[in-house]
Amino acid sequence: PAGMVGTLQWYANRAKSGGQTSYAFGPDEGKFDYTPKLEEIVKSYLLVDGVVESTFVYALNNSTHIETWYKIRVLSRGQEPSIIMPASAKMKMAIPEQLGIFDSDEVALCEFGGSAVIDGVSLTARGEPPLIMGKRYLFFLDSTAVSNAYTNGSVTRPVLVDENGTIQHPSKKTTYLRSIDGFRDADELKRYVRQVVQQH
């Protein structure tokens, strides 16, 4: 039932009983003691250079999490990673129909976290900061059981790229792919990834 502990409805009820119109839950910040080397990440995740076209927040009252979905137009993609999980082990998910029809050069990305209004209460599931519409990012993506739907690699997050192709490194406070510190240029990083994948 929707009122069960940990569901979005439960958080909304809890906020209302305390007279609050908004409520945030979830970890303050994901922390990883171990940051894999870039070459390890490249073997497991698909590198996609793409632009965020649209977004949709998926949140059901009886769910325990908020999903933020993005439609991404792919500018270029790397080779499929050499370590591939069997389909049975991949995450099952359905792309929300609100994102519309997908062309062959578009993929869907699901991130856990985001904000949604449930029963009049604005709930925020803490997660990575939202992606910016119309901006270009380098994504390290994990495939799911749906062919054009992906999640973020578990220790990576999208890397913002400006109009000049320069990588915008996030602040050191956030958990992100420290292995890319040595790269300033998106094309240089893509070349490196291509070399590593071809060696395996």
Protein backbone atom coordinates (compact mmCIF):
# COMPACT_ATOMS: atom_id res chain seq x y z
CA PRO A 1 0.00 0.00 0.00
CA ALA A 2 1.01 3.60 -0.66
CA GLY A 3 1.31 4.48 3.05
CA MET A 4 3.97 1.86 3.75
CA VAL A 5 7.20 2.99 5.40
CA GLY A 6 9.68 4.38 2.88
CA THR A 7 7.19 5.03 0.07
CA LEU A 8 6.78 8.51 -1.39
CA GLN A 9 3.26 8.68 0.08
CA TRP A 10 4.71 7.88 3.51
CA TYR A 11 7.21 10.75 3.19
CA ALA A 12 4.40 13.07 2.07
CA ASN A 13 2.22 12.03 5.05
CA ARG A 14 5.15 12.55 7.40
CA ALA A 15 5.80 16.05 6.03
CA LYS A 16 2.10 16.99 6.28
CA SER A 17 1.81 15.80 9.88
CA GLY A 18 4.69 18.14 10.70
CA GLY A 19 3.06 21.03 8.82
CA GLN A 20 5.69 20.95 6.06
CA THR A 21 5.01 21.51 2.35
CA SER A 22 8.39 20.16 1.25
CA TYR A 23 10.58 17.29 2.38
CA ALA A 24 13.99 15.91 1.34
CA PHE A 25 15.15 12.34 1.92
CA GLY A 26 17.98 10.04 0.94
CA PRO A 27 21.74 10.24 1.47
CA ASP A 28 23.29 13.70 1.63
CA GLU A 29 26.05 12.68 -0.71
CA GLY A 30 27.23 9.37 -2.08
CA LYS A 31 30.80 8.71 -1.01
CA PHE A 32 33.09 6.14 -2.57
CA ASP A 33 36.28 5.07 -0.88
CA TYR A 34 37.44 3.57 -4.12
CA THR A 35 37.56 5.39 -7.42
CA PRO A 36 38.38 2.98 -10.25
CA LYS A 37 40.92 3.89 -12.88
CA LEU A 38 39.49 5.22 -16.12
CA GLU A 39 40.61 2.14 -18.05
CA GLU A 40 38.57 -0.10 -15.72
CA ILE A 41 35.48 2.08 -16.21
CA VAL A 42 35.92 2.07 -19.99
CA LYS A 43 35.82 -1.74 -19.98
CA SER A 44 32.45 -1.80 -18.20
CA TYR A 45 30.54 1.24 -19.44
CA LEU A 46 29.57 2.72 -22.79
CA LEU A 47 30.95 6.20 -23.52
CA VAL A 48 28.32 8.45 -25.11
CA ASP A 49 28.89 12.05 -26.19
CA GLY A 50 25.44 13.62 -26.26
CA VAL A 51 23.10 16.54 -25.70
CA VAL A 52 20.21 16.53 -23.21
CA GLU A 53 16.99 17.09 -25.18
CA SER A 54 14.18 16.58 -22.68
CA THR A 55 13.42 15.25 -19.22
CA PHE A 56 10.59 13.62 -17.32
CA VAL A 57 10.28 12.86 -13.60
CA TYR A 58 8.66 9.52 -12.83
CA ALA A 59 7.29 9.16 -9.30
CA LEU A 60 4.50 6.91 -8.06
CA ASN A 61 2.92 7.34 -4.62
CA ASN A 62 3.62 3.70 -3.73
CA SER A 63 7.22 3.75 -5.02
CA THR A 64 10.23 4.14 -2.74
CA HIS A 65 12.20 6.33 -5.15
CA ILE A 66 11.97 9.13 -7.70
CA GLU A 67 13.39 8.57 -11.17
CA THR A 68 14.52 11.42 -13.40
CA TRP A 69 14.58 10.37 -17.05
CA TYR A 70 16.42 12.16 -19.84
CA LYS A 71 16.24 11.86 -23.61
CA ILE A 72 19.74 12.29 -25.01
CA ARG A 73 20.66 12.97 -28.63
CA VAL A 74 23.83 11.01 -29.33
CA LEU A 75 26.61 12.91 -31.12
CA SER A 76 28.94 9.92 -30.98
CA ARG A 77 29.26 6.70 -29.02
CA GLY A 78 32.12 4.42 -28.15
CA GLN A 79 32.26 0.69 -28.73
CA GLU A 80 30.12 -1.49 -26.51
CA PRO A 81 32.16 -2.38 -23.40
CA SER A 82 34.05 -5.65 -23.33
CA ILE A 83 32.51 -6.74 -20.00
CA ILE A 84 28.88 -7.43 -20.80
CA MET A 85 26.37 -8.74 -18.29
CA PRO A 86 23.79 -11.31 -19.37
CA ALA A 87 20.41 -9.70 -20.09
CA SER A 88 18.86 -11.57 -17.16
CA ALA A 89 21.14 -9.70 -14.72
CA LYS A 90 20.41 -6.27 -16.16
CA MET A 91 18.02 -3.79 -14.59
CA LYS A 92 14.43 -4.11 -15.82
CA MET A 93 12.81 -0.78 -16.63
CA ALA A 94 10.33 0.86 -18.95
CA ILE A 95 11.02 4.21 -20.61
CA PRO A 96 8.17 6.61 -19.67
CA GLU A 97 6.00 7.23 -22.73
CA GLN A 98 6.04 10.96 -21.88
CA LEU A 99 9.53 11.09 -23.44
CA GLY A 100 7.92 10.30 -26.79
CA ILE A 101 9.28 8.36 -29.74
CA PHE A 102 13.02 7.75 -29.91
CA ASP A 103 15.02 8.15 -33.12
CA SER A 104 17.97 5.88 -33.81
CA ASP A 105 20.37 8.62 -32.59
CA GLU A 106 18.60 9.05 -29.22
CA VAL A 107 18.89 7.11 -25.96
CA ALA A 108 17.16 7.31 -22.57
CA LEU A 109 19.03 7.79 -19.30
CA CYS A 110 17.44 7.03 -15.94
CA GLU A 111 18.92 8.66 -12.84
CA PHE A 112 17.66 7.92 -9.35
CA GLY A 113 16.81 11.12 -7.50
CA GLY A 114 14.93 14.30 -8.36
CA SER A 115 11.89 16.25 -7.17
CA ALA A 116 8.18 15.53 -7.50
CA VAL A 117 4.93 16.69 -5.91
CA ILE A 118 3.13 13.88 -4.10
CA ASP A 119 -0.22 14.63 -2.45
CA GLY A 120 0.54 18.35 -2.38
CA VAL A 121 4.02 17.94 -0.84
CA SER A 122 7.18 18.73 -2.79
CA LEU A 123 9.47 15.74 -2.22
CA THR A 124 13.15 15.70 -3.15
CA ALA A 125 15.10 12.45 -3.33
CA ARG A 126 18.71 13.53 -2.97
CA GLY A 127 20.92 12.36 -5.78
CA GLU A 128 23.18 13.83 -8.41
CA PRO A 129 22.42 17.42 -9.48
CA PRO A 130 20.01 17.50 -12.44
CA LEU A 131 21.41 17.68 -15.96
CA ILE A 132 20.95 20.95 -17.85
CA MET A 133 18.67 20.97 -20.89
CA GLY A 134 20.44 21.64 -24.18
CA LYS A 135 23.91 21.03 -22.73
CA ARG A 136 26.49 18.54 -23.98
CA TYR A 137 27.87 15.86 -21.68
CA LEU A 138 30.12 12.83 -21.83
CA PHE A 139 28.23 9.91 -20.27
CA PHE A 140 29.60 6.60 -19.03
CA LEU A 141 26.48 4.45 -19.30
CA ASP A 142 25.42 1.09 -17.97
CA SER A 143 23.06 -0.87 -20.21
CA THR A 144 19.73 -2.18 -18.95
CA ALA A 145 17.39 -4.91 -20.17
CA VAL A 146 15.89 -2.31 -22.58
CA SER A 147 18.07 -1.76 -25.64
CA ASN A 148 18.08 2.07 -25.71
CA ALA A 149 17.68 2.71 -21.96
CA TYR A 150 20.71 3.24 -19.73
CA THR A 151 21.63 4.16 -16.18
CA ASN A 152 24.74 5.99 -15.03
CA GLY A 153 27.72 3.78 -14.36
CA SER A 154 27.80 3.24 -10.61
CA VAL A 155 30.88 5.38 -9.94
CA THR A 156 30.62 7.82 -12.79
CA ARG A 157 28.51 10.83 -13.48
CA PRO A 158 27.93 12.82 -16.65
CA VAL A 159 30.74 15.26 -17.44
CA LEU A 160 29.68 18.68 -18.73
CA VAL A 161 31.39 19.87 -21.92
CA ASP A 162 31.29 23.52 -23.01
CA GLU A 163 30.92 24.99 -26.54
CA ASN A 164 34.70 24.79 -27.08
CA GLY A 165 34.81 21.08 -26.24
CA THR A 166 36.46 21.76 -22.88
CA ILE A 167 35.56 19.44 -19.99
CA GLN A 168 34.02 21.30 -17.04
CA HIS A 169 35.41 19.55 -13.98
CA PRO A 170 32.95 19.51 -11.08
CA SER A 171 34.04 20.74 -7.67
CA LYS A 172 36.20 18.38 -5.63
CA LYS A 173 33.41 18.09 -3.03
CA THR A 174 31.23 15.95 -5.27
CA THR A 175 31.76 12.28 -5.90
CA TYR A 176 32.68 12.00 -9.54
CA LEU A 177 35.10 10.38 -11.87
CA ARG A 178 38.43 11.61 -10.49
CA SER A 179 40.21 9.58 -13.16
CA ILE A 180 39.42 12.24 -15.78
CA ASP A 181 41.31 14.98 -13.90
CA GLY A 182 44.13 14.74 -16.41
CA PHE A 183 41.86 15.57 -19.36
CA ARG A 184 40.75 19.05 -20.40
CA ASP A 185 39.52 18.30 -23.90
CA ALA A 186 36.52 16.07 -24.67
CA ASP A 187 37.97 14.76 -27.95
CA GLU A 188 41.22 13.86 -26.20
CA LEU A 189 39.28 11.84 -23.60
CA LYS A 190 37.26 10.11 -26.35
CA ARG A 191 40.49 9.20 -28.20
CA TYR A 192 41.94 7.73 -25.00
CA VAL A 193 38.78 5.66 -24.41
CA ARG A 194 38.85 4.39 -28.01
CA GLN A 195 42.50 3.24 -27.61
CA VAL A 196 41.77 1.40 -24.35
CA VAL A 197 38.71 -0.38 -25.79
CA GLN A 198 40.63 -1.46 -28.90
CA GLN A 199 43.37 -3.00 -26.77
CA HIS A 200 40.92 -5.41 -25.12
